[in-house]
Amino acid sequence: MEQLKQLFAQWAGIPCTECLALGANGSSRRYYRLSSSSPKLGEGDRPQGGGGVCSAIGCIADDLRENEAFFAFARHFHAKGLPVPELYLIADDRRHYLQQDLGDQTLYGLLYDKQRQGGGFDAQMLAFYKQALADLAALQRGGADLDFSLAYPRPDFDRQSILWDLNYFKYHFLKLLHIPFDEQLLEDDFNSLADYLLTADTNYFMYRDFQGRNIMLVGSGECVVDSSRGQALPTTHYQLPTLYYIDFQGGRRGAAQYDVASLLYSAKSNLPEAIRRHLLGHYLDVRNIRGDERRQWIDHFWAYLLVRILQTLGAYGYRGLFERKDYFLQSIPLAITNLQNLIHDHPLSISLPEINRICRDAACSVSHLQSPTVDALSPLTVTVQSFSYKQGLPTDPTGNGGGFIFDCRALPNPGRYPQYKAYTGKDRPVIEFLQKEPAVDHFLSHAEAIVSQSIEKYLERNFTSLQVSFGCTGGQHRSVYCAEQLTARLSKKYPCNILLRHREQDR
């Protein structure tokens, strides 16, 4: 971070006064918002945030080839006037760099907020998605003269890239979930699918991860209602904020269908099927694709959607089942639903018997991953757990540093009495004992207030993980009770994913 602060001072002409870590979801890159409330040198030379705050997004990334791809693509698209973040400054080590601060509002975040408030995919969201698809078409065409030799890890989404994605699905989803399959039959299907995909036109810039989390809403839009005479109903027009596009470092030359599928069938966005069809037609109209060409394009679209969903399931399996990141586990049932709907409603013109069989059977294999406390649209997972201090402090597999740890050892201890020794904090005798103690409710109320403050800020900023731990001597009575009670309280208050664990009891 010190190197990022030095870059900021070099770029802005003033020192950085605040450096805030930002969530990166599945990425290994680390992002920070660097800012200073002082006026910077060369006022007006560079864009700055509201209230006179000078800010930039700093990134630390160790993959040099991926970095060089991002630098080249960002400069190429920015020079063409396309809405991507401006690249400000790159350190000599090519691992630290600054780019334009586009704020915190993503298209996915707006959709999530609307659904959380009881709304849905309204006319405003439809306008945003239409603009995103029109911009996608411009980005795809804007890569015609791009130097794809810098693309990482390959210049083209070719047979090798396709088979990498399909094997990602095989090894990080099917094998980790122990879903049975015939290896040879599956390889035959993979080769047939790759052959068919490559019959499409592949001379476009393929963004690779074109989805709502990578679309930023910058500036304020407004709604204008035209109720002039002669109209049966008022007409609503939306003057949209500017949409910007980030995280395209995995781009390469490929088919246009892949990115359209990525946006419309993103698992957690969960768009209504009728809206997906409407938006697909809008994109084709923007591209002026009609007649036989349109039918062929759509046939290839369903095949690219299939490979996109399979690749996504491989990523969810790796991040969720192997790295134990709950946020990705919760996406698996949604992606499986998309997959099964695709197989049922849009059978491909090629035979893929083993893939079809696996897809039909997959729902049973992932049913245990679903949880009643999962909010399908929330980016935030709050893990609440109990533990014993005798067994050491809990670790945080998300890498966020452990969150809150509350010490329950000052509370009245039912474990000191023989009649409670065989019970835990989930059993009625212990619950009744602790409910009668005012100190316990006082302790929990304070813990709830502290945790709630963080949850509200994390939801506002689209952070992904928070861990809350309660410890006592044995990890059996007080800590278990407190974890259970806080989970119940938070589940009623917040639309996020609340996961409950009891470390010592689970062992």
Protein backbone atom coordinates (compact mmCIF):
# COMPACT_ATOMS: atom_id res chain seq x y z
CA MET A 1 0.00 0.00 0.00
CA GLU A 2 2.89 2.35 0.62
CA GLN A 3 3.85 2.11 -3.04
CA LEU A 4 0.28 2.92 -4.04
CA LYS A 5 0.35 5.96 -1.77
CA GLN A 6 3.57 7.12 -3.40
CA LEU A 7 1.97 6.70 -6.83
CA PHE A 8 -1.02 8.72 -5.67
CA ALA A 9 1.19 11.56 -4.43
CA GLN A 10 3.06 11.51 -7.74
CA TRP A 11 -0.18 11.60 -9.74
CA ALA A 12 -2.13 14.11 -7.65
CA GLY A 13 0.72 16.30 -6.36
CA ILE A 14 -0.61 15.92 -2.81
CA PRO A 15 -0.25 13.14 -0.21
CA CYS A 16 -2.83 10.38 0.22
CA THR A 17 -4.77 10.86 3.48
CA GLU A 18 -6.99 7.76 3.29
CA CYS A 19 -6.49 4.29 1.81
CA LEU A 20 -9.52 2.00 1.99
CA ALA A 21 -9.44 -1.66 0.94
CA LEU A 22 -12.18 -2.72 -1.48
CA GLY A 23 -13.69 -6.14 -2.03
CA ALA A 24 -12.51 -8.08 -5.09
CA ASN A 25 -14.83 -11.14 -5.05
CA GLY A 26 -13.07 -13.98 -6.90
CA SER A 27 -10.07 -11.97 -8.05
CA SER A 28 -6.55 -12.26 -6.64
CA ARG A 29 -6.00 -8.57 -7.39
CA ARG A 30 -6.22 -6.21 -4.40
CA TYR A 31 -8.03 -2.90 -4.84
CA TYR A 32 -7.90 0.25 -2.72
CA ARG A 33 -9.54 3.66 -2.87
CA LEU A 34 -6.89 6.32 -2.27
CA SER A 35 -8.03 9.85 -1.59
CA SER A 36 -7.11 13.23 -0.17
CA SER A 37 -9.44 16.01 0.91
CA SER A 38 -6.87 18.65 -0.06
CA PRO A 39 -7.09 20.39 -3.43
CA LYS A 40 -4.65 18.75 -5.79
CA LEU A 41 -2.08 20.47 -7.94
CA GLY A 42 -3.09 21.41 -11.46
CA GLU A 43 -6.76 21.94 -10.54
CA GLY A 44 -9.02 20.90 -13.43
CA ASP A 45 -6.39 18.73 -15.10
CA ARG A 46 -7.87 15.51 -13.77
CA PRO A 47 -11.38 14.44 -12.71
CA GLN A 48 -12.07 14.39 -8.99
CA GLY A 49 -14.84 13.24 -6.74
CA GLY A 50 -17.63 15.25 -5.19
CA GLY A 51 -16.88 17.81 -2.50
CA GLY A 52 -13.44 18.53 -3.88
CA VAL A 53 -12.10 15.11 -2.88
CA CYS A 54 -9.27 13.85 -5.05
CA SER A 55 -9.45 10.07 -5.43
CA ALA A 56 -8.20 7.15 -7.49
CA ILE A 57 -8.46 3.36 -7.42
CA GLY A 58 -5.16 1.65 -6.71
CA CYS A 59 -4.48 -1.95 -7.64
CA ILE A 60 -1.85 -4.46 -6.58
CA ALA A 61 -1.64 -7.38 -9.01
CA ASP A 62 1.18 -9.90 -9.29
CA ASP A 63 0.43 -11.45 -12.70
CA LEU A 64 2.55 -9.32 -15.04
CA ARG A 65 1.16 -10.73 -18.29
CA GLU A 66 -2.40 -10.12 -17.16
CA ASN A 67 -1.44 -6.59 -16.10
CA GLU A 68 0.09 -5.82 -19.50
CA ALA A 69 -3.09 -7.03 -21.19
CA PHE A 70 -5.18 -4.71 -19.02
CA PHE A 71 -2.89 -1.73 -19.64
CA ALA A 72 -3.02 -2.24 -23.42
CA PHE A 73 -6.78 -2.78 -23.55
CA ALA A 74 -7.55 0.18 -21.26
CA ARG A 75 -5.45 2.56 -23.32
CA HIS A 76 -6.88 1.21 -26.61
CA PHE A 77 -10.53 1.60 -25.61
CA HIS A 78 -10.00 4.92 -23.83
CA ALA A 79 -8.33 6.34 -26.94
CA LYS A 80 -11.44 5.36 -28.94
CA GLY A 81 -13.68 7.25 -26.50
CA LEU A 82 -15.26 4.10 -25.12
CA PRO A 83 -16.41 4.17 -21.46
CA VAL A 84 -13.60 2.39 -19.62
CA PRO A 85 -11.64 3.76 -16.63
CA GLU A 86 -8.74 6.01 -17.44
CA LEU A 87 -5.37 4.51 -16.54
CA TYR A 88 -3.53 7.14 -14.50
CA LEU A 89 -0.11 5.85 -13.50
CA ILE A 90 1.83 2.56 -13.46
CA ALA A 91 4.72 1.80 -11.10
CA ASP A 92 8.05 0.65 -12.50
CA ASP A 93 7.43 -2.87 -11.19
CA ARG A 94 4.23 -3.04 -13.35
CA ARG A 95 2.44 -4.57 -10.33
CA HIS A 96 1.07 -1.37 -8.80
CA TYR A 97 -1.07 1.10 -10.73
CA LEU A 98 -3.75 3.78 -10.40
CA GLN A 99 -6.93 4.14 -12.42
CA GLN A 100 -10.00 6.35 -12.45
CA ASP A 101 -12.33 6.13 -9.45
CA LEU A 102 -15.80 5.35 -10.80
CA GLY A 103 -17.52 5.16 -7.41
CA ASP A 104 -19.28 2.18 -5.82
CA GLN A 105 -22.57 1.78 -7.71
CA THR A 106 -22.68 -1.24 -9.98
CA LEU A 107 -25.51 -2.35 -12.23
CA TYR A 108 -25.79 -5.55 -10.21
CA GLY A 109 -25.90 -3.56 -6.96
CA LEU A 110 -28.75 -1.41 -8.24
CA LEU A 111 -30.72 -4.49 -9.32
CA TYR A 112 -30.12 -6.06 -5.90
CA ASP A 113 -31.30 -2.89 -4.10
CA LYS A 114 -34.49 -2.75 -6.16
CA GLN A 115 -35.34 -6.38 -5.44
CA ARG A 116 -34.50 -5.99 -1.76
CA GLN A 117 -36.96 -3.09 -1.55
CA GLY A 118 -39.73 -5.16 -3.09
CA GLY A 119 -39.35 -3.87 -6.63
CA GLY A 120 -38.22 -5.77 -9.65
CA PHE A 121 -36.82 -5.41 -13.11
CA ASP A 122 -38.52 -2.10 -13.94
CA ALA A 123 -38.35 0.26 -16.91
CA GLN A 124 -35.24 1.94 -15.52
CA MET A 125 -33.36 -1.36 -15.24
CA LEU A 126 -34.46 -2.26 -18.75
CA ALA A 127 -33.00 1.02 -20.03
CA PHE A 128 -29.71 0.34 -18.23
CA TYR A 129 -29.40 -3.15 -19.70
CA LYS A 130 -30.23 -1.91 -23.20
CA GLN A 131 -27.51 0.73 -22.91
CA ALA A 132 -25.05 -1.89 -21.63
CA LEU A 133 -25.75 -4.13 -24.63
CA ALA A 134 -25.35 -1.22 -27.05
CA ASP A 135 -22.03 -0.36 -25.39
CA LEU A 136 -21.02 -4.02 -25.57
CA ALA A 137 -21.55 -3.98 -29.33
CA ALA A 138 -19.28 -0.91 -29.55
CA LEU A 139 -16.60 -2.58 -27.41
CA GLN A 140 -16.77 -5.73 -29.53
CA ARG A 141 -16.31 -3.71 -32.72
CA GLY A 142 -13.71 -1.46 -31.05
CA GLY A 143 -11.37 -4.41 -30.66
CA ALA A 144 -11.05 -4.94 -34.42
CA ASP A 145 -7.63 -3.26 -34.54
CA LEU A 146 -6.50 -4.38 -31.07
CA ASP A 147 -3.14 -6.11 -30.67
CA PHE A 148 -4.40 -9.50 -29.47
CA SER A 149 -0.86 -10.79 -29.05
CA LEU A 150 -1.01 -9.14 -25.61
CA ALA A 151 -4.19 -10.99 -24.62
CA TYR A 152 -3.81 -13.28 -21.61
CA PRO A 153 -3.57 -16.24 -21.40
CA ARG A 154 -4.20 -16.70 -25.16
CA PRO A 155 -4.90 -14.29 -28.03
CA ASP A 156 -8.07 -16.16 -29.08
CA PHE A 157 -10.95 -18.00 -27.47
CA ASP A 158 -9.91 -21.00 -29.54
CA ARG A 159 -10.20 -24.75 -29.09
CA GLN A 160 -7.59 -24.77 -26.35
CA SER A 161 -9.41 -22.03 -24.40
CA ILE A 162 -12.75 -23.79 -24.79
CA LEU A 163 -11.35 -27.11 -23.56
CA TRP A 164 -9.69 -25.35 -20.62
CA ASP A 165 -13.09 -24.01 -19.57
CA LEU A 166 -14.80 -27.35 -20.02
CA ASN A 167 -12.13 -29.18 -18.04
CA TYR A 168 -12.42 -26.51 -15.35
CA PHE A 169 -16.04 -27.65 -15.04
CA LYS A 170 -15.03 -31.31 -14.98
CA TYR A 171 -12.26 -31.11 -12.38
CA HIS A 172 -13.52 -28.31 -10.10
CA PHE A 173 -17.23 -29.02 -10.19
CA LEU A 174 -18.03 -32.59 -11.18
CA LYS A 175 -15.12 -34.19 -9.35
CA LEU A 176 -15.28 -31.98 -6.24
CA LEU A 177 -18.99 -32.73 -5.88
CA HIS A 178 -18.45 -36.42 -6.71
CA ILE A 179 -20.96 -36.29 -9.58
CA PRO A 180 -20.50 -39.48 -11.63
CA PHE A 181 -19.71 -39.25 -15.33
CA ASP A 182 -18.17 -41.34 -18.11
CA GLU A 183 -14.78 -39.77 -18.84
CA GLN A 184 -14.57 -40.78 -22.50
CA LEU A 185 -18.18 -39.88 -23.30
CA LEU A 186 -17.74 -36.50 -21.66
CA GLU A 187 -14.52 -35.83 -23.61
CA ASP A 188 -16.34 -36.74 -26.82
CA ASP A 189 -19.04 -34.19 -25.98
CA PHE A 190 -16.43 -31.54 -25.15
CA ASN A 191 -14.80 -31.99 -28.56
CA SER A 192 -18.14 -31.89 -30.37
CA LEU A 193 -19.12 -28.71 -28.54
CA ALA A 194 -15.77 -27.04 -29.30
CA ASP A 195 -16.10 -27.93 -32.99
CA TYR A 196 -19.54 -26.35 -33.17
CA LEU A 197 -18.60 -23.19 -31.24
CA LEU A 198 -15.75 -22.45 -33.61
CA THR A 199 -18.07 -22.41 -36.64
CA ALA A 200 -19.32 -19.02 -35.41
CA ASP A 201 -17.72 -15.69 -36.40
CA THR A 202 -14.91 -15.21 -33.86
CA ASN A 203 -13.47 -11.87 -35.01
CA TYR A 204 -14.71 -9.70 -32.13
CA PHE A 205 -13.29 -8.48 -28.84
CA MET A 206 -14.60 -10.98 -26.31
CA TYR A 207 -14.79 -9.23 -22.93
CA ARG A 208 -14.88 -12.60 -21.15
CA ASP A 209 -16.58 -11.40 -17.92
CA PHE A 210 -19.27 -9.01 -19.08
CA GLN A 211 -21.70 -9.02 -16.15
CA GLY A 212 -23.45 -6.59 -13.80
CA ARG A 213 -20.67 -6.43 -11.20
CA ASN A 214 -18.30 -5.10 -13.85
CA ILE A 215 -20.65 -2.33 -15.02
CA MET A 216 -20.35 0.91 -13.05
CA LEU A 217 -23.01 3.62 -12.91
CA VAL A 218 -21.34 7.03 -12.78
CA GLY A 219 -23.18 10.31 -12.30
CA SER A 220 -26.83 10.92 -11.52
CA GLY A 221 -29.62 10.09 -13.91
CA GLU A 222 -33.17 11.39 -13.74
CA CYS A 223 -36.65 10.26 -14.66
CA VAL A 224 -38.73 12.49 -16.97
CA VAL A 225 -42.46 11.90 -17.31
CA ASP A 226 -44.11 13.29 -20.46
CA SER A 227 -47.83 13.68 -19.83
CA SER A 228 -48.58 16.05 -22.73
CA ARG A 229 -52.05 16.17 -24.27
CA GLY A 230 -53.09 13.61 -26.79
CA GLN A 231 -51.35 10.71 -25.07
CA ALA A 232 -53.40 7.96 -23.50
CA LEU A 233 -50.76 7.34 -20.83
CA PRO A 234 -47.74 9.32 -19.60
CA THR A 235 -44.47 8.29 -21.19
CA THR A 236 -41.45 7.84 -18.94
CA HIS A 237 -37.96 8.60 -20.24
CA TYR A 238 -34.76 7.90 -18.34
CA GLN A 239 -31.71 10.07 -18.70
CA LEU A 240 -29.15 7.49 -17.65
CA PRO A 241 -25.97 7.88 -15.68
CA THR A 242 -22.89 7.04 -17.70
CA LEU A 243 -22.13 3.32 -17.74
CA TYR A 244 -18.45 2.37 -17.44
CA TYR A 245 -16.93 -1.07 -17.90
CA ILE A 246 -14.16 -2.61 -15.78
CA ASP A 247 -12.22 -5.87 -15.38
CA PHE A 248 -11.68 -6.71 -19.04
CA GLN A 249 -8.09 -7.95 -18.61
CA GLY A 250 -9.18 -11.47 -19.58
CA GLY A 251 -10.43 -10.30 -22.97
CA ARG A 252 -9.34 -11.88 -26.23
CA ARG A 253 -10.56 -12.38 -29.80
CA GLY A 254 -13.68 -14.51 -29.95
CA ALA A 255 -17.40 -14.81 -30.70
CA ALA A 256 -19.82 -12.00 -29.80
CA GLN A 257 -22.40 -14.44 -28.37
CA TYR A 258 -20.30 -15.26 -25.29
CA ASP A 259 -20.54 -11.81 -23.68
CA VAL A 260 -24.24 -11.40 -24.37
CA ALA A 261 -24.81 -14.75 -22.64
CA SER A 262 -22.63 -13.65 -19.70
CA LEU A 263 -24.75 -10.56 -19.05
CA LEU A 264 -28.23 -11.96 -19.61
CA TYR A 265 -27.70 -15.27 -17.79
CA SER A 266 -25.58 -14.18 -14.84
CA ALA A 267 -26.72 -16.56 -12.10
CA LYS A 268 -27.18 -14.10 -9.25
CA SER A 269 -28.84 -11.40 -11.35
CA ASN A 270 -31.56 -13.97 -12.13
CA LEU A 271 -33.31 -11.91 -14.81
CA PRO A 272 -36.86 -12.92 -15.83
CA GLU A 273 -36.78 -15.09 -18.95
CA ALA A 274 -39.08 -12.74 -20.89
CA ILE A 275 -36.68 -9.86 -20.17
CA ARG A 276 -33.74 -11.95 -21.37
CA ARG A 277 -35.49 -12.67 -24.67
CA HIS A 278 -36.39 -9.00 -25.12
CA LEU A 279 -32.83 -7.86 -24.43
CA LEU A 280 -31.39 -10.48 -26.76
CA GLY A 281 -33.61 -9.13 -29.52
CA HIS A 282 -32.51 -5.58 -28.68
CA TYR A 283 -28.84 -6.50 -29.04
CA LEU A 284 -29.46 -8.16 -32.40
CA ASP A 285 -31.35 -5.08 -33.58
CA VAL A 286 -28.47 -2.83 -32.49
CA ARG A 287 -26.15 -5.06 -34.54
CA ASN A 288 -28.70 -5.11 -37.40
CA ILE A 289 -28.54 -8.91 -37.53
CA ARG A 290 -31.58 -10.22 -39.38
CA GLY A 291 -32.98 -13.11 -41.42
CA ASP A 292 -30.95 -16.30 -41.74
CA GLU A 293 -27.95 -14.64 -40.15
CA ARG A 294 -30.06 -13.93 -37.05
CA ARG A 295 -31.24 -17.54 -36.79
CA GLN A 296 -27.68 -18.85 -37.10
CA TRP A 297 -26.45 -16.31 -34.58
CA ILE A 298 -29.07 -17.42 -32.03
CA ASP A 299 -28.24 -21.11 -32.61
CA HIS A 300 -24.63 -20.37 -31.69
CA PHE A 301 -25.79 -18.19 -28.79
CA TRP A 302 -27.31 -21.16 -26.94
CA ALA A 303 -24.10 -23.17 -27.42
CA TYR A 304 -21.98 -20.30 -26.06
CA LEU A 305 -24.40 -19.93 -23.16
CA LEU A 306 -23.83 -23.61 -22.37
CA VAL A 307 -20.05 -23.27 -22.26
CA ARG A 308 -20.36 -20.06 -20.22
CA ILE A 309 -22.55 -21.74 -17.58
CA LEU A 310 -20.23 -24.77 -17.39
CA GLN A 311 -17.19 -22.49 -16.96
CA THR A 312 -19.03 -20.53 -14.27
CA LEU A 313 -19.88 -23.73 -12.39
CA GLY A 314 -16.19 -24.65 -12.48
CA ALA A 315 -15.33 -21.26 -11.00
CA TYR A 316 -18.03 -21.58 -8.32
CA GLY A 317 -16.77 -25.05 -7.48
CA TYR A 318 -13.16 -23.95 -7.18
CA ARG A 319 -13.89 -20.81 -5.14
CA GLY A 320 -16.63 -22.40 -3.06
CA LEU A 321 -15.80 -26.08 -2.64
CA PHE A 322 -12.01 -25.82 -2.67
CA GLU A 323 -11.33 -22.32 -1.28
CA ARG A 324 -14.41 -22.53 0.99
CA LYS A 325 -15.86 -19.14 0.04
CA ASP A 326 -19.55 -19.38 0.89
CA TYR A 327 -20.59 -16.61 -1.48
CA PHE A 328 -19.69 -18.80 -4.47
CA LEU A 329 -21.34 -21.91 -3.03
CA GLN A 330 -24.63 -20.04 -2.88
CA SER A 331 -24.44 -19.26 -6.62
CA ILE A 332 -24.30 -22.93 -7.65
CA PRO A 333 -28.05 -23.78 -7.38
CA LEU A 334 -28.92 -20.69 -9.44
CA ALA A 335 -26.46 -21.63 -12.18
CA ILE A 336 -27.78 -25.21 -12.18
CA THR A 337 -31.31 -23.84 -12.73
CA ASN A 338 -30.08 -21.83 -15.73
CA LEU A 339 -28.33 -24.91 -17.06
CA GLN A 340 -31.34 -27.18 -16.79
CA ASN A 341 -33.64 -24.58 -18.36
CA LEU A 342 -31.20 -24.23 -21.24
CA ILE A 343 -31.05 -27.99 -21.87
CA HIS A 344 -34.84 -28.33 -21.65
CA ASP A 345 -35.92 -25.23 -23.62
CA HIS A 346 -33.15 -24.83 -26.19
CA PRO A 347 -31.81 -28.20 -27.35
CA LEU A 348 -28.71 -27.71 -29.45
CA SER A 349 -28.38 -28.82 -33.04
CA ILE A 350 -25.49 -31.11 -32.02
CA SER A 351 -25.67 -34.26 -29.92
CA LEU A 352 -24.18 -33.98 -26.40
CA PRO A 353 -25.64 -37.02 -24.60
CA GLU A 354 -23.26 -37.14 -21.61
CA ILE A 355 -23.45 -33.39 -20.92
CA ASN A 356 -27.25 -33.54 -21.15
CA ARG A 357 -27.41 -36.47 -18.74
CA ILE A 358 -25.15 -34.76 -16.21
CA CYS A 359 -27.18 -31.55 -16.44
CA ARG A 360 -30.45 -33.36 -15.83
CA ASP A 361 -29.06 -35.11 -12.74
CA ALA A 362 -27.05 -32.22 -11.31
CA ALA A 363 -29.82 -30.66 -9.17
CA CYS A 364 -29.87 -33.63 -6.78
CA SER A 365 -26.11 -33.40 -6.32
CA VAL A 366 -26.18 -29.74 -5.24
CA SER A 367 -29.39 -29.67 -3.19
CA HIS A 368 -27.41 -29.74 0.08
CA LEU A 369 -25.71 -26.46 -0.84
CA GLN A 370 -28.93 -24.48 -0.59
CA SER A 371 -29.70 -22.71 2.66
CA PRO A 372 -32.86 -20.97 3.93
CA THR A 373 -30.71 -18.03 5.07
CA VAL A 374 -29.27 -17.43 1.59
CA ASP A 375 -30.30 -14.22 -0.19
CA ALA A 376 -29.66 -14.96 -3.85
CA LEU A 377 -28.94 -11.33 -4.71
CA SER A 378 -26.88 -10.22 -1.73
CA PRO A 379 -23.12 -9.86 -2.21
CA LEU A 380 -22.51 -10.08 1.56
CA THR A 381 -22.07 -13.28 3.57
CA VAL A 382 -21.95 -12.93 7.37
CA THR A 383 -20.52 -16.00 9.07
CA VAL A 384 -21.44 -16.30 12.76
CA GLN A 385 -19.65 -18.99 14.76
CA SER A 386 -18.89 -20.24 18.25
CA PHE A 387 -15.52 -21.54 19.43
CA SER A 388 -13.48 -22.59 22.47
CA TYR A 389 -10.56 -20.42 23.56
CA LYS A 390 -8.81 -23.64 24.62
CA GLN A 391 -8.66 -24.64 20.93
CA GLY A 392 -7.31 -21.32 19.70
CA LEU A 393 -8.80 -18.34 17.88
CA PRO A 394 -10.82 -19.00 14.72
CA THR A 395 -9.23 -18.40 11.32
CA ASP A 396 -10.85 -16.50 8.47
CA PRO A 397 -10.61 -18.37 5.12
CA THR A 398 -11.80 -15.29 3.18
CA GLY A 399 -8.59 -13.40 3.97
CA ASN A 400 -10.41 -10.41 5.49
CA GLY A 401 -8.69 -10.72 8.86
CA GLY A 402 -11.22 -12.35 11.17
CA GLY A 403 -13.88 -9.69 11.74
CA PHE A 404 -15.31 -9.49 15.29
CA ILE A 405 -14.41 -11.77 18.20
CA PHE A 406 -16.59 -11.45 21.31
CA ASP A 407 -15.42 -12.97 24.61
CA CYS A 408 -18.33 -14.64 26.44
CA ARG A 409 -16.28 -15.84 29.42
CA ALA A 410 -17.49 -13.00 31.67
CA LEU A 411 -21.10 -14.20 31.30
CA PRO A 412 -22.78 -16.57 33.79
CA ASN A 413 -21.65 -20.09 32.97
CA PRO A 414 -24.20 -22.94 33.02
CA GLY A 415 -21.32 -25.37 32.47
CA ARG A 416 -20.36 -24.98 36.12
CA TYR A 417 -23.52 -26.84 37.16
CA PRO A 418 -23.78 -30.64 36.72
CA GLN A 419 -27.35 -30.57 35.38
CA TYR A 420 -26.22 -28.56 32.31
CA LYS A 421 -22.97 -30.33 31.42
CA ALA A 422 -24.54 -32.67 28.85
CA TYR A 423 -26.32 -29.85 27.02
CA THR A 424 -25.22 -27.11 24.60
CA GLY A 425 -26.38 -23.58 23.95
CA LYS A 426 -28.92 -24.95 21.46
CA ASP A 427 -30.77 -27.00 24.12
CA ARG A 428 -33.80 -25.70 26.01
CA PRO A 429 -32.37 -26.02 29.59
CA VAL A 430 -29.29 -23.92 28.72
CA ILE A 431 -31.38 -21.42 26.71
CA GLU A 432 -33.73 -20.89 29.68
CA PHE A 433 -30.80 -20.51 32.07
CA LEU A 434 -29.15 -17.81 29.97
CA GLN A 435 -32.39 -16.01 29.10
CA LYS A 436 -32.95 -15.35 32.80
CA GLU A 437 -29.61 -13.52 33.11
CA PRO A 438 -29.89 -9.77 32.29
CA ALA A 439 -26.12 -9.57 31.68
CA VAL A 440 -26.45 -11.98 28.74
CA ASP A 441 -29.11 -9.94 26.93
CA HIS A 442 -27.14 -6.75 27.65
CA PHE A 443 -24.02 -8.34 26.15
CA LEU A 444 -25.89 -9.53 23.05
CA SER A 445 -27.54 -6.15 22.47
CA HIS A 446 -24.15 -4.44 22.44
CA ALA A 447 -22.70 -7.09 20.10
CA GLU A 448 -25.69 -6.73 17.77
CA ALA A 449 -25.32 -2.95 17.63
CA ILE A 450 -21.61 -3.15 16.78
CA VAL A 451 -22.07 -5.84 14.12
CA SER A 452 -25.11 -4.07 12.62
CA GLN A 453 -23.07 -0.93 12.02
CA SER A 454 -20.59 -2.91 9.93
CA ILE A 455 -23.24 -4.87 8.04
CA GLU A 456 -25.00 -1.69 6.94
CA LYS A 457 -21.75 -0.19 5.69
CA TYR A 458 -20.69 -3.47 4.02
CA LEU A 459 -24.01 -3.71 2.17
CA GLU A 460 -23.67 -0.10 1.04
CA ARG A 461 -20.20 -0.75 -0.37
CA ASN A 462 -20.91 -4.22 -1.82
CA PHE A 463 -18.39 -5.96 0.43
CA THR A 464 -18.59 -9.74 0.35
CA SER A 465 -17.54 -11.19 3.74
CA LEU A 466 -17.83 -10.52 7.46
CA GLN A 467 -17.01 -12.98 10.24
CA VAL A 468 -18.42 -12.75 13.78
CA SER A 469 -17.15 -15.16 16.43
CA PHE A 470 -18.23 -15.84 20.02
CA GLY A 471 -15.75 -17.62 22.28
CA CYS A 472 -16.07 -19.20 25.72
CA THR A 473 -14.06 -21.69 27.72
CA GLY A 474 -15.31 -24.91 26.14
CA GLY A 475 -17.23 -23.67 23.09
CA GLN A 476 -20.33 -25.48 24.29
CA HIS A 477 -22.77 -23.28 26.22
CA ARG A 478 -22.38 -19.48 26.24
CA SER A 479 -20.69 -19.04 22.87
CA VAL A 480 -23.12 -21.41 21.14
CA TYR A 481 -26.12 -19.61 22.65
CA CYS A 482 -24.82 -16.16 21.65
CA ALA A 483 -24.05 -17.27 18.09
CA GLU A 484 -27.55 -18.75 17.74
CA GLN A 485 -29.23 -15.64 19.12
CA LEU A 486 -27.26 -13.17 17.01
CA THR A 487 -27.93 -15.20 13.86
CA ALA A 488 -31.68 -15.10 14.54
CA ARG A 489 -31.61 -11.34 15.12
CA LEU A 490 -29.52 -10.51 12.04
CA SER A 491 -31.59 -12.77 9.77
CA LYS A 492 -34.68 -10.71 10.58
CA LYS A 493 -32.95 -7.37 9.98
CA TYR A 494 -30.76 -7.71 6.91
CA PRO A 495 -31.08 -9.13 3.36
CA CYS A 496 -27.70 -10.84 3.37
CA ASN A 497 -26.47 -14.41 3.66
CA ILE A 498 -26.18 -15.46 7.31
CA LEU A 499 -24.20 -18.67 7.88
CA LEU A 500 -24.09 -20.26 11.35
CA ARG A 501 -21.31 -22.58 12.52
CA HIS A 502 -20.26 -24.11 15.83
CA ARG A 503 -16.61 -25.00 15.49
CA GLU A 504 -16.21 -27.35 18.43
CA GLN A 505 -19.64 -28.98 18.00
CA ASP A 506 -19.03 -29.54 14.29
CA ARG A 507 -15.82 -31.35 15.12
